Amino acid sequence: MYDTILVTLDGTPTDRAIIGHIKDLAKLAHSRLVLLHVADGWAARTYGQDAVSPEISEDTEYLEKVRAEFESAGIPTQAELAYGEPASEIIKWVRQKRCDLVAMSTHGHRLLADLFLGSTATRVRHSINTPLLLLKAK
């Protein structure tokens, strides 16, 4: 059913909600996971894959830590780092590489920012046809 699950991570404590949920789902469905984090700082947006910054190093270390956590639970997992605007990069990844489910944690509403910019989850939800699991972090 869910051979490949894309799990988007933003490197904040809200990730723990989706990580715990997906760990159980992936075991049950015998899924392969792809962890995706989008580096969106100045260096990442300006230089893309050529960016070198403390942010990129921290993001890479974080992805590897979470990947190892899933692997130690017996779940095949790969990690990918994208560069730029999070919603656009997630949408592009889903369209180009395909997956059976996209899983994201949400922060909840940020009032004015959501009105003017739209949340990442909302933009992704309206732009893909792949099933989307949204889990609100506590």
N, C-alpha and C. Protein backbone atom coordinates (compact mmCIF):
# COMPACT_ATOMS: atom_id res chain seq x y z
N MET A 1 0.82 -1.19 0.00
CA MET A 1 0.00 0.00 0.00
C MET A 1 0.87 1.26 0.00
N TYR A 2 1.75 1.39 0.97
CA TYR A 2 2.67 2.52 1.04
C TYR A 2 4.09 1.99 0.91
N ASP A 3 4.50 1.72 -0.32
CA ASP A 3 5.86 1.21 -0.54
C ASP A 3 6.91 2.25 -0.18
N THR A 4 6.68 3.50 -0.59
CA THR A 4 7.61 4.59 -0.32
C THR A 4 6.86 5.74 0.33
N ILE A 5 7.33 6.12 1.51
CA ILE A 5 6.73 7.24 2.24
C ILE A 5 7.76 8.36 2.31
N LEU A 6 7.37 9.54 1.86
CA LEU A 6 8.20 10.73 2.00
C LEU A 6 7.84 11.39 3.32
N VAL A 7 8.84 11.57 4.17
CA VAL A 7 8.65 12.21 5.47
C VAL A 7 9.40 13.53 5.43
N THR A 8 8.66 14.63 5.51
CA THR A 8 9.31 15.94 5.49
C THR A 8 9.66 16.33 6.92
N LEU A 9 10.85 16.84 7.09
CA LEU A 9 11.33 17.25 8.41
C LEU A 9 11.79 18.69 8.34
N ASP A 10 11.53 19.45 9.39
CA ASP A 10 12.00 20.83 9.40
C ASP A 10 13.07 21.09 10.46
N GLY A 11 13.47 20.05 11.17
CA GLY A 11 14.56 20.21 12.13
C GLY A 11 14.14 20.84 13.44
N THR A 12 12.85 20.86 13.72
CA THR A 12 12.36 21.41 14.98
C THR A 12 11.74 20.29 15.81
N PRO A 13 11.43 20.55 17.07
CA PRO A 13 10.81 19.51 17.91
C PRO A 13 9.48 18.97 17.36
N THR A 14 8.81 19.71 16.47
CA THR A 14 7.56 19.19 15.90
C THR A 14 7.78 17.93 15.08
N ASP A 15 9.00 17.71 14.63
CA ASP A 15 9.31 16.49 13.86
C ASP A 15 9.02 15.22 14.65
N ARG A 16 9.16 15.28 15.97
CA ARG A 16 8.99 14.07 16.78
C ARG A 16 7.60 13.48 16.61
N ALA A 17 6.60 14.30 16.39
CA ALA A 17 5.23 13.79 16.22
C ALA A 17 5.15 12.88 14.99
N ILE A 18 5.67 13.33 13.87
CA ILE A 18 5.56 12.54 12.65
C ILE A 18 6.52 11.36 12.67
N ILE A 19 7.69 11.54 13.28
CA ILE A 19 8.66 10.44 13.36
C ILE A 19 8.06 9.26 14.12
N GLY A 20 7.47 9.51 15.27
CA GLY A 20 6.87 8.42 16.04
C GLY A 20 5.73 7.74 15.31
N HIS A 21 4.90 8.52 14.68
CA HIS A 21 3.75 7.97 13.96
C HIS A 21 4.19 7.14 12.75
N ILE A 22 5.12 7.67 11.99
CA ILE A 22 5.57 6.99 10.77
C ILE A 22 6.36 5.73 11.11
N LYS A 23 7.07 5.73 12.21
CA LYS A 23 7.82 4.54 12.60
C LYS A 23 6.88 3.34 12.70
N ASP A 24 5.75 3.53 13.35
CA ASP A 24 4.77 2.44 13.48
C ASP A 24 4.13 2.09 12.14
N LEU A 25 3.76 3.10 11.36
CA LEU A 25 3.12 2.87 10.07
C LEU A 25 4.06 2.15 9.11
N ALA A 26 5.30 2.57 9.07
CA ALA A 26 6.28 1.96 8.15
C ALA A 26 6.52 0.49 8.50
N LYS A 27 6.57 0.18 9.76
CA LYS A 27 6.74 -1.23 10.16
C LYS A 27 5.52 -2.04 9.73
N LEU A 28 4.35 -1.52 9.97
CA LEU A 28 3.12 -2.21 9.62
C LEU A 28 2.98 -2.43 8.11
N ALA A 29 3.34 -1.42 7.32
CA ALA A 29 3.17 -1.48 5.86
C ALA A 29 4.42 -1.97 5.14
N HIS A 30 5.49 -2.27 5.88
CA HIS A 30 6.77 -2.68 5.27
C HIS A 30 7.24 -1.66 4.24
N SER A 31 7.20 -0.39 4.66
CA SER A 31 7.53 0.73 3.77
C SER A 31 9.01 1.08 3.81
N ARG A 32 9.43 1.72 2.74
CA ARG A 32 10.74 2.34 2.66
C ARG A 32 10.49 3.84 2.86
N LEU A 33 11.36 4.49 3.63
CA LEU A 33 11.19 5.91 3.91
C LEU A 33 12.23 6.75 3.19
N VAL A 34 11.80 7.94 2.82
CA VAL A 34 12.72 8.96 2.34
C VAL A 34 12.48 10.17 3.24
N LEU A 35 13.52 10.58 3.94
CA LEU A 35 13.45 11.78 4.77
C LEU A 35 13.90 12.96 3.93
N LEU A 36 13.12 14.02 3.93
CA LEU A 36 13.46 15.20 3.15
C LEU A 36 13.44 16.43 4.04
N HIS A 37 14.55 17.13 4.05
CA HIS A 37 14.62 18.43 4.73
C HIS A 37 15.03 19.45 3.68
N VAL A 38 14.39 20.60 3.73
CA VAL A 38 14.72 21.68 2.80
C VAL A 38 15.46 22.77 3.56
N ALA A 39 16.73 22.93 3.25
CA ALA A 39 17.52 24.01 3.82
C ALA A 39 17.06 25.29 3.14
N ASP A 40 16.66 26.27 3.96
CA ASP A 40 16.09 27.48 3.36
C ASP A 40 16.74 28.77 3.85
N GLY A 41 17.93 28.66 4.39
CA GLY A 41 18.66 29.86 4.79
C GLY A 41 19.23 30.58 3.58
N TRP A 42 19.88 31.70 3.84
CA TRP A 42 20.42 32.52 2.77
C TRP A 42 21.38 31.73 1.87
N ALA A 43 22.32 31.01 2.48
CA ALA A 43 23.30 30.27 1.67
C ALA A 43 22.61 29.21 0.82
N ALA A 44 21.65 28.50 1.40
CA ALA A 44 20.94 27.45 0.67
C ALA A 44 20.15 28.02 -0.50
N ARG A 45 19.47 29.12 -0.28
CA ARG A 45 18.67 29.74 -1.34
C ARG A 45 19.54 30.37 -2.42
N THR A 46 20.71 30.85 -2.02
CA THR A 46 21.59 31.54 -2.96
C THR A 46 22.45 30.58 -3.77
N TYR A 47 23.02 29.58 -3.09
CA TYR A 47 23.99 28.70 -3.74
C TYR A 47 23.50 27.27 -3.97
N GLY A 48 22.34 26.94 -3.47
CA GLY A 48 21.79 25.59 -3.68
C GLY A 48 22.74 24.52 -3.18
N GLN A 49 22.96 23.49 -3.98
CA GLN A 49 23.79 22.36 -3.58
C GLN A 49 25.24 22.74 -3.33
N ASP A 50 25.66 23.88 -3.80
CA ASP A 50 27.04 24.35 -3.57
C ASP A 50 27.17 25.12 -2.27
N ALA A 51 26.08 25.29 -1.53
CA ALA A 51 26.11 26.06 -0.29
C ALA A 51 26.95 25.37 0.77
N VAL A 52 27.72 26.16 1.46
CA VAL A 52 28.49 25.69 2.62
C VAL A 52 28.19 26.67 3.75
N SER A 53 27.63 26.14 4.82
CA SER A 53 27.30 27.00 5.96
C SER A 53 27.08 26.12 7.18
N PRO A 54 27.10 26.72 8.36
CA PRO A 54 26.78 25.93 9.56
C PRO A 54 25.39 25.31 9.47
N GLU A 55 24.44 26.04 8.86
CA GLU A 55 23.09 25.51 8.71
C GLU A 55 23.09 24.21 7.91
N ILE A 56 23.80 24.17 6.82
CA ILE A 56 23.85 22.98 5.97
C ILE A 56 24.47 21.82 6.75
N SER A 57 25.54 22.09 7.47
CA SER A 57 26.19 21.04 8.28
C SER A 57 25.24 20.50 9.34
N GLU A 58 24.54 21.40 10.04
CA GLU A 58 23.59 20.98 11.07
C GLU A 58 22.44 20.18 10.46
N ASP A 59 21.93 20.63 9.32
CA ASP A 59 20.83 19.93 8.66
C ASP A 59 21.25 18.52 8.24
N THR A 60 22.45 18.40 7.70
CA THR A 60 22.96 17.10 7.27
C THR A 60 23.12 16.16 8.46
N GLU A 61 23.67 16.66 9.55
CA GLU A 61 23.84 15.85 10.76
C GLU A 61 22.48 15.41 11.32
N TYR A 62 21.52 16.32 11.33
CA TYR A 62 20.19 16.01 11.83
C TYR A 62 19.53 14.91 10.98
N LEU A 63 19.58 15.06 9.67
CA LEU A 63 19.00 14.05 8.79
C LEU A 63 19.64 12.69 9.02
N GLU A 64 20.95 12.65 9.17
CA GLU A 64 21.64 11.39 9.40
C GLU A 64 21.23 10.77 10.72
N LYS A 65 21.06 11.58 11.75
CA LYS A 65 20.63 11.08 13.06
C LYS A 65 19.24 10.43 12.97
N VAL A 66 18.31 11.11 12.31
CA VAL A 66 16.95 10.57 12.17
C VAL A 66 16.96 9.34 11.27
N ARG A 67 17.76 9.36 10.21
CA ARG A 67 17.86 8.19 9.33
C ARG A 67 18.35 6.99 10.12
N ALA A 68 19.36 7.17 10.93
CA ALA A 68 19.92 6.08 11.74
C ALA A 68 18.88 5.56 12.75
N GLU A 69 18.06 6.45 13.26
CA GLU A 69 17.01 6.03 14.20
C GLU A 69 16.02 5.07 13.52
N PHE A 70 15.60 5.41 12.30
CA PHE A 70 14.69 4.53 11.56
C PHE A 70 15.39 3.23 11.17
N GLU A 71 16.61 3.33 10.70
CA GLU A 71 17.37 2.13 10.31
C GLU A 71 17.52 1.18 11.49
N SER A 72 17.79 1.71 12.68
CA SER A 72 17.97 0.86 13.85
C SER A 72 16.66 0.18 14.25
N ALA A 73 15.54 0.73 13.79
CA ALA A 73 14.24 0.09 14.02
C ALA A 73 13.90 -0.89 12.90
N GLY A 74 14.84 -1.10 11.96
CA GLY A 74 14.63 -2.06 10.88
C GLY A 74 13.86 -1.50 9.70
N ILE A 75 13.81 -0.19 9.56
CA ILE A 75 13.06 0.44 8.48
C ILE A 75 14.05 1.02 7.47
N PRO A 76 14.04 0.52 6.23
CA PRO A 76 14.96 1.06 5.21
C PRO A 76 14.67 2.55 4.98
N THR A 77 15.71 3.36 5.11
CA THR A 77 15.51 4.81 5.07
C THR A 77 16.68 5.48 4.36
N GLN A 78 16.34 6.45 3.53
CA GLN A 78 17.36 7.31 2.94
C GLN A 78 17.03 8.74 3.30
N ALA A 79 18.04 9.59 3.29
CA ALA A 79 17.85 11.00 3.64
C ALA A 79 18.28 11.87 2.48
N GLU A 80 17.51 12.93 2.23
CA GLU A 80 17.82 13.86 1.15
C GLU A 80 17.69 15.28 1.66
N LEU A 81 18.62 16.11 1.23
CA LEU A 81 18.61 17.52 1.57
C LEU A 81 18.33 18.30 0.29
N ALA A 82 17.31 19.15 0.35
CA ALA A 82 16.98 20.02 -0.78
C ALA A 82 17.29 21.45 -0.36
N TYR A 83 17.28 22.36 -1.31
CA TYR A 83 17.69 23.73 -1.06
C TYR A 83 16.68 24.69 -1.66
N GLY A 84 16.21 25.65 -0.87
CA GLY A 84 15.31 26.66 -1.40
C GLY A 84 14.09 26.87 -0.53
N GLU A 85 12.97 27.11 -1.17
CA GLU A 85 11.72 27.37 -0.47
C GLU A 85 11.05 26.03 -0.17
N PRO A 86 10.74 25.74 1.12
CA PRO A 86 10.28 24.40 1.49
C PRO A 86 9.10 23.85 0.70
N ALA A 87 8.01 24.58 0.61
CA ALA A 87 6.84 24.04 -0.09
C ALA A 87 7.15 23.73 -1.55
N SER A 88 7.82 24.63 -2.22
CA SER A 88 8.16 24.41 -3.64
C SER A 88 9.04 23.20 -3.83
N GLU A 89 10.02 23.02 -2.95
CA GLU A 89 10.93 21.88 -3.06
C GLU A 89 10.24 20.57 -2.75
N ILE A 90 9.35 20.55 -1.77
CA ILE A 90 8.61 19.33 -1.46
C ILE A 90 7.72 18.94 -2.64
N ILE A 91 7.01 19.91 -3.18
CA ILE A 91 6.14 19.66 -4.34
C ILE A 91 6.96 19.13 -5.51
N LYS A 92 8.08 19.76 -5.79
CA LYS A 92 8.94 19.32 -6.88
C LYS A 92 9.42 17.89 -6.64
N TRP A 93 9.83 17.57 -5.43
CA TRP A 93 10.31 16.22 -5.12
C TRP A 93 9.20 15.20 -5.37
N VAL A 94 8.00 15.47 -4.88
CA VAL A 94 6.88 14.53 -5.05
C VAL A 94 6.58 14.31 -6.53
N ARG A 95 6.58 15.35 -7.30
CA ARG A 95 6.27 15.24 -8.73
C ARG A 95 7.36 14.50 -9.50
N GLN A 96 8.61 14.71 -9.15
CA GLN A 96 9.71 14.11 -9.90
C GLN A 96 10.00 12.68 -9.49
N LYS A 97 9.91 12.38 -8.22
CA LYS A 97 10.41 11.09 -7.74
C LYS A 97 9.32 10.12 -7.31
N ARG A 98 8.14 10.59 -7.13
CA ARG A 98 7.00 9.74 -6.78
C ARG A 98 7.15 9.08 -5.40
N CYS A 99 6.05 9.00 -4.73
CA CYS A 99 5.96 8.27 -3.47
C CYS A 99 4.49 7.91 -3.29
N ASP A 100 4.21 7.05 -2.33
CA ASP A 100 2.84 6.60 -2.12
C ASP A 100 2.12 7.39 -1.03
N LEU A 101 2.91 8.09 -0.21
CA LEU A 101 2.35 8.88 0.89
C LEU A 101 3.36 9.96 1.25
N VAL A 102 2.86 11.15 1.55
CA VAL A 102 3.69 12.23 2.09
C VAL A 102 3.24 12.44 3.52
N ALA A 103 4.19 12.48 4.45
CA ALA A 103 3.87 12.66 5.86
C ALA A 103 4.57 13.92 6.38
N MET A 104 3.79 14.78 7.03
CA MET A 104 4.31 16.05 7.53
C MET A 104 3.74 16.35 8.91
N SER A 105 4.55 16.96 9.76
CA SER A 105 4.04 17.55 11.00
C SER A 105 3.67 18.99 10.68
N THR A 106 2.68 19.50 11.38
CA THR A 106 2.32 20.91 11.21
C THR A 106 2.52 21.62 12.54
N HIS A 107 2.80 22.90 12.45
CA HIS A 107 3.02 23.72 13.63
C HIS A 107 1.73 24.30 14.17
N GLY A 108 0.67 24.26 13.40
CA GLY A 108 -0.55 24.97 13.77
C GLY A 108 -0.55 26.32 13.07
N HIS A 109 -1.48 27.14 13.40
CA HIS A 109 -1.63 28.41 12.70
C HIS A 109 -0.74 29.49 13.27
N ARG A 110 -0.20 30.32 12.36
CA ARG A 110 0.62 31.46 12.75
C ARG A 110 -0.07 32.76 12.33
N LEU A 111 -1.38 32.72 12.27
CA LEU A 111 -2.24 33.85 11.98
C LEU A 111 -1.80 34.68 10.77
N LEU A 112 -1.22 35.84 10.97
CA LEU A 112 -0.90 36.73 9.85
C LEU A 112 0.06 36.11 8.84
N ALA A 113 1.06 35.39 9.34
CA ALA A 113 2.01 34.77 8.40
C ALA A 113 1.29 33.78 7.49
N ASP A 114 0.37 32.98 8.04
CA ASP A 114 -0.37 32.03 7.21
C ASP A 114 -1.29 32.74 6.22
N LEU A 115 -1.87 33.85 6.63
CA LEU A 115 -2.76 34.59 5.72
C LEU A 115 -2.00 35.15 4.52
N PHE A 116 -0.81 35.70 4.77
CA PHE A 116 -0.06 36.35 3.70
C PHE A 116 0.81 35.38 2.91
N LEU A 117 1.42 34.44 3.58
CA LEU A 117 2.37 33.54 2.92
C LEU A 117 1.81 32.15 2.67
N GLY A 118 0.87 31.72 3.49
CA GLY A 118 0.37 30.36 3.42
C GLY A 118 1.33 29.42 4.11
N SER A 119 0.82 28.41 4.78
CA SER A 119 1.71 27.46 5.43
C SER A 119 2.27 26.48 4.41
N THR A 120 3.39 25.89 4.74
CA THR A 120 3.99 24.89 3.85
C THR A 120 3.01 23.75 3.61
N ALA A 121 2.38 23.25 4.69
CA ALA A 121 1.44 22.13 4.55
C ALA A 121 0.28 22.48 3.64
N THR A 122 -0.25 23.69 3.76
CA THR A 122 -1.38 24.10 2.91
C THR A 122 -0.96 24.15 1.45
N ARG A 123 0.18 24.74 1.17
CA ARG A 123 0.64 24.82 -0.21
C ARG A 123 0.88 23.44 -0.80
N VAL A 124 1.50 22.55 -0.02
CA VAL A 124 1.75 21.19 -0.50
C VAL A 124 0.42 20.48 -0.75
N ARG A 125 -0.48 20.59 0.20
CA ARG A 125 -1.78 19.90 0.11
C ARG A 125 -2.54 20.25 -1.16
N HIS A 126 -2.47 21.50 -1.55
CA HIS A 126 -3.21 21.95 -2.73
C HIS A 126 -2.47 21.72 -4.04
N SER A 127 -1.25 21.20 -3.97
CA SER A 127 -0.43 21.08 -5.18
C SER A 127 -0.06 19.66 -5.58
N ILE A 128 -0.40 18.68 -4.76
CA ILE A 128 -0.05 17.30 -5.09
C ILE A 128 -1.29 16.42 -5.11
N ASN A 129 -1.18 15.30 -5.81
CA ASN A 129 -2.27 14.33 -5.85
C ASN A 129 -1.98 13.12 -4.96
N THR A 130 -0.78 13.03 -4.44
CA THR A 130 -0.38 11.94 -3.57
C THR A 130 -1.08 12.08 -2.22
N PRO A 131 -1.51 10.98 -1.61
CA PRO A 131 -2.09 11.08 -0.26
C PRO A 131 -1.13 11.79 0.69
N LEU A 132 -1.71 12.61 1.58
CA LEU A 132 -0.92 13.42 2.49
C LEU A 132 -1.40 13.19 3.92
N LEU A 133 -0.48 12.80 4.78
CA LEU A 133 -0.77 12.62 6.19
C LEU A 133 -0.21 13.84 6.93
N LEU A 134 -1.10 14.63 7.54
CA LEU A 134 -0.69 15.78 8.32
C LEU A 134 -0.96 15.48 9.78
N LEU A 135 0.05 15.68 10.59
CA LEU A 135 -0.07 15.42 12.01
C LEU A 135 0.31 16.68 12.76
N LYS A 136 -0.63 17.23 13.51
CA LYS A 136 -0.36 18.45 14.25
C LYS A 136 0.49 18.12 15.47
N ALA A 137 1.59 18.82 15.60
CA ALA A 137 2.47 18.62 16.75
C ALA A 137 1.83 19.19 17.99
N LYS A 138 2.16 18.60 19.11
CA LYS A 138 1.58 19.07 20.38
C LYS A 138 2.28 20.32 20.85
